[in-house]
Amino acid sequence: MSKLRRQLSAGIVNSVETKNLREIKAKTGNLYESISIVAKRANQINISLKEELHNKLDEFASHTDSLEEIHENKEQIEISRAYERMPNPALLATQEFLENKVYFRKGEDELFS
């Protein structure tokens, strides 16, 4: 398991849970700003996970077009299943945001963490 996957999925439940909107709003003073920050972080997580998955699956890619050479690779299937079992990037981003692990800033003069 890669360092990124271990870091992201440590202690996070793979199901949707109700969050307190007041707690989310309290981080920035505006619920919509908080949701926007979470969404941007979720996109970052999603991009990095996709890159990591594609890099791992490229190792198994065959560069020939012959249908006879295509076969199921058990390692490839296990890698894909492991990524499918991971929590959704939005859940990961929300958890990071609530634990103050996301750095963000508003404009040029106000800084938040």
C-alpha atoms as a PDB file:
ATOM      1  CA  MET A   1       0.000   0.000   0.000  1.00  0.00           C
ATOM      2  CA  SER A   2       1.392   3.363  -0.950  1.00  0.00           C
ATOM      3  CA  LYS A   3       2.149   6.109   1.518  1.00  0.00           C
ATOM      4  CA  LEU A   4      -0.550   8.344   0.003  1.00  0.00           C
ATOM      5  CA  ARG A   5      -3.256   5.702   0.318  1.00  0.00           C
ATOM      6  CA  ARG A   6      -2.297   4.870   3.907  1.00  0.00           C
ATOM      7  CA  GLN A   7      -2.237   8.538   4.841  1.00  0.00           C
ATOM      8  CA  LEU A   8      -5.574   9.300   3.229  1.00  0.00           C
ATOM      9  CA  SER A   9      -7.578   6.327   4.424  1.00  0.00           C
ATOM     10  CA  ALA A  10      -6.256   6.109   7.990  1.00  0.00           C
ATOM     11  CA  GLY A  11      -9.189   6.112  10.374  1.00  0.00           C
ATOM     12  CA  ILE A  12     -11.797   7.272   7.871  1.00  0.00           C
ATOM     13  CA  VAL A  13     -15.023   5.334   7.518  1.00  0.00           C
ATOM     14  CA  ASN A  14     -15.953   4.435   3.944  1.00  0.00           C
ATOM     15  CA  SER A  15     -19.573   5.553   4.357  1.00  0.00           C
ATOM     16  CA  VAL A  16     -21.339   8.874   4.352  1.00  0.00           C
ATOM     17  CA  GLU A  17     -22.050  10.388   7.735  1.00  0.00           C
ATOM     18  CA  THR A  18     -24.027  13.490   8.631  1.00  0.00           C
ATOM     19  CA  LYS A  19     -21.772  16.439   9.426  1.00  0.00           C
ATOM     20  CA  ASN A  20     -22.568  19.433  11.593  1.00  0.00           C
ATOM     21  CA  LEU A  21     -22.948  22.394   9.239  1.00  0.00           C
ATOM     22  CA  ARG A  22     -22.222  24.873  12.029  1.00  0.00           C
ATOM     23  CA  GLU A  23     -18.848  23.228  12.598  1.00  0.00           C
ATOM     24  CA  ILE A  24     -18.051  23.421   8.877  1.00  0.00           C
ATOM     25  CA  LYS A  25     -19.205  27.049   8.693  1.00  0.00           C
ATOM     26  CA  ALA A  26     -17.157  28.009  11.770  1.00  0.00           C
ATOM     27  CA  LYS A  27     -13.870  27.337   9.954  1.00  0.00           C
ATOM     28  CA  THR A  28     -14.325  30.219   7.480  1.00  0.00           C
ATOM     29  CA  GLY A  29     -17.424  32.063   8.643  1.00  0.00           C
ATOM     30  CA  ASN A  30     -19.241  31.122   5.445  1.00  0.00           C
ATOM     31  CA  LEU A  31     -20.692  27.684   4.697  1.00  0.00           C
ATOM     32  CA  TYR A  32     -20.298  28.074   0.933  1.00  0.00           C
ATOM     33  CA  GLU A  33     -16.628  29.042   1.232  1.00  0.00           C
ATOM     34  CA  SER A  34     -16.020  26.002   3.414  1.00  0.00           C
ATOM     35  CA  ILE A  35     -17.768  23.701   0.926  1.00  0.00           C
ATOM     36  CA  SER A  36     -15.755  25.251  -1.907  1.00  0.00           C
ATOM     37  CA  ILE A  37     -12.500  24.586  -0.049  1.00  0.00           C
ATOM     38  CA  VAL A  38     -13.520  20.971   0.613  1.00  0.00           C
ATOM     39  CA  ALA A  39     -14.467  20.512  -3.058  1.00  0.00           C
ATOM     40  CA  LYS A  40     -11.122  21.868  -4.270  1.00  0.00           C
ATOM     41  CA  ARG A  41      -9.243  19.582  -1.873  1.00  0.00           C
ATOM     42  CA  ALA A  42     -11.360  16.606  -2.994  1.00  0.00           C
ATOM     43  CA  ASN A  43     -10.367  17.357  -6.601  1.00  0.00           C
ATOM     44  CA  GLN A  44      -6.688  17.430  -5.604  1.00  0.00           C
ATOM     45  CA  ILE A  45      -7.002  14.084  -3.823  1.00  0.00           C
ATOM     46  CA  ASN A  46      -8.891  12.568  -6.744  1.00  0.00           C
ATOM     47  CA  ILE A  47      -6.258  13.683  -9.266  1.00  0.00           C
ATOM     48  CA  SER A  48      -3.382  12.302  -7.198  1.00  0.00           C
ATOM     49  CA  LEU A  49      -5.167   8.969  -6.658  1.00  0.00           C
ATOM     50  CA  LYS A  50      -5.956   8.658 -10.367  1.00  0.00           C
ATOM     51  CA  GLU A  51      -2.334   9.356 -11.282  1.00  0.00           C
ATOM     52  CA  GLU A  52      -1.102   6.788  -8.772  1.00  0.00           C
ATOM     53  CA  LEU A  53      -3.584   4.163  -9.991  1.00  0.00           C
ATOM     54  CA  HIS A  54      -2.755   4.759 -13.652  1.00  0.00           C
ATOM     55  CA  ASN A  55       0.974   4.530 -12.931  1.00  0.00           C
ATOM     56  CA  LYS A  56       0.487   1.180 -11.193  1.00  0.00           C
ATOM     57  CA  LEU A  57      -1.785  -0.165 -13.922  1.00  0.00           C
ATOM     58  CA  ASP A  58       0.597   0.973 -16.677  1.00  0.00           C
ATOM     59  CA  GLU A  59       3.036  -1.662 -15.443  1.00  0.00           C
ATOM     60  CA  PHE A  60       0.548  -4.296 -16.599  1.00  0.00           C
ATOM     61  CA  ALA A  61      -0.316  -2.688 -19.929  1.00  0.00           C
ATOM     62  CA  SER A  62       0.465  -4.691 -23.005  1.00  0.00           C
ATOM     63  CA  HIS A  63       1.522  -2.630 -25.980  1.00  0.00           C
ATOM     64  CA  THR A  64       0.332  -5.109 -28.563  1.00  0.00           C
ATOM     65  CA  ASP A  65      -3.087  -5.049 -30.171  1.00  0.00           C
ATOM     66  CA  SER A  66      -3.498  -8.797 -30.373  1.00  0.00           C
ATOM     67  CA  LEU A  67      -6.638 -10.093 -28.655  1.00  0.00           C
ATOM     68  CA  GLU A  68      -4.942 -13.415 -28.063  1.00  0.00           C
ATOM     69  CA  GLU A  69      -2.452 -11.847 -25.655  1.00  0.00           C
ATOM     70  CA  ILE A  70      -5.043 -10.185 -23.442  1.00  0.00           C
ATOM     71  CA  HIS A  71      -5.537 -12.072 -20.198  1.00  0.00           C
ATOM     72  CA  GLU A  72      -6.707 -11.353 -16.702  1.00  0.00           C
ATOM     73  CA  ASN A  73      -3.987 -10.370 -14.329  1.00  0.00           C
ATOM     74  CA  LYS A  74      -4.850 -11.073 -10.694  1.00  0.00           C
ATOM     75  CA  GLU A  75      -2.474  -8.416  -9.374  1.00  0.00           C
ATOM     76  CA  GLN A  76      -4.079  -5.808 -11.601  1.00  0.00           C
ATOM     77  CA  ILE A  77      -7.547  -6.787 -10.384  1.00  0.00           C
ATOM     78  CA  GLU A  78      -6.440  -6.608  -6.728  1.00  0.00           C
ATOM     79  CA  ILE A  79      -4.955  -3.138  -7.231  1.00  0.00           C
ATOM     80  CA  SER A  80      -8.187  -1.930  -8.831  1.00  0.00           C
ATOM     81  CA  ARG A  81     -10.288  -3.400  -6.029  1.00  0.00           C
ATOM     82  CA  ALA A  82      -8.111  -1.782  -3.376  1.00  0.00           C
ATOM     83  CA  TYR A  83      -8.682   1.627  -4.937  1.00  0.00           C
ATOM     84  CA  GLU A  84     -12.412   0.971  -5.230  1.00  0.00           C
ATOM     85  CA  ARG A  85     -12.603   0.192  -1.498  1.00  0.00           C
ATOM     86  CA  MET A  86     -10.934   3.460  -0.538  1.00  0.00           C
ATOM     87  CA  PRO A  87     -13.092   6.251   0.883  1.00  0.00           C
ATOM     88  CA  ASN A  88     -14.477   8.788  -1.538  1.00  0.00           C
ATOM     89  CA  PRO A  89     -12.175  11.825  -2.043  1.00  0.00           C
ATOM     90  CA  ALA A  90     -14.975  14.111  -0.802  1.00  0.00           C
ATOM     91  CA  LEU A  91     -15.102  12.178   2.485  1.00  0.00           C
ATOM     92  CA  LEU A  92     -11.327  12.398   2.816  1.00  0.00           C
ATOM     93  CA  ALA A  93     -11.326  16.127   2.068  1.00  0.00           C
ATOM     94  CA  THR A  94     -14.132  16.817   4.557  1.00  0.00           C
ATOM     95  CA  GLN A  95     -12.309  14.927   7.282  1.00  0.00           C
ATOM     96  CA  GLU A  96      -9.069  16.799   6.579  1.00  0.00           C
ATOM     97  CA  PHE A  97     -10.939  20.121   6.637  1.00  0.00           C
ATOM     98  CA  LEU A  98     -12.591  19.379   9.972  1.00  0.00           C
ATOM     99  CA  GLU A  99      -9.258  18.298  11.474  1.00  0.00           C
ATOM    100  CA  ASN A 100      -7.552  21.539  10.306  1.00  0.00           C
ATOM    101  CA  LYS A 101      -5.222  19.646   7.973  1.00  0.00           C
ATOM    102  CA  VAL A 102      -6.112  21.793   4.951  1.00  0.00           C
ATOM    103  CA  TYR A 103      -4.271  25.053   4.355  1.00  0.00           C
ATOM    104  CA  PHE A 104      -6.317  27.758   2.670  1.00  0.00           C
ATOM    105  CA  ARG A 105      -6.310  31.508   2.506  1.00  0.00           C
ATOM    106  CA  LYS A 106      -8.822  34.188   1.689  1.00  0.00           C
ATOM    107  CA  GLY A 107      -7.602  36.999  -0.509  1.00  0.00           C
ATOM    108  CA  GLU A 108      -4.200  38.498   0.090  1.00  0.00           C
ATOM    109  CA  ASP A 109      -4.421  39.623   3.690  1.00  0.00           C
ATOM    110  CA  GLU A 110      -6.462  37.042   5.672  1.00  0.00           C
ATOM    111  CA  LEU A 111      -4.847  33.676   6.373  1.00  0.00           C
ATOM    112  CA  PHE A 112      -6.597  30.582   7.698  1.00  0.00           C
ATOM    113  CA  SER A 113      -5.382  27.090   8.508  1.00  0.00           C
END
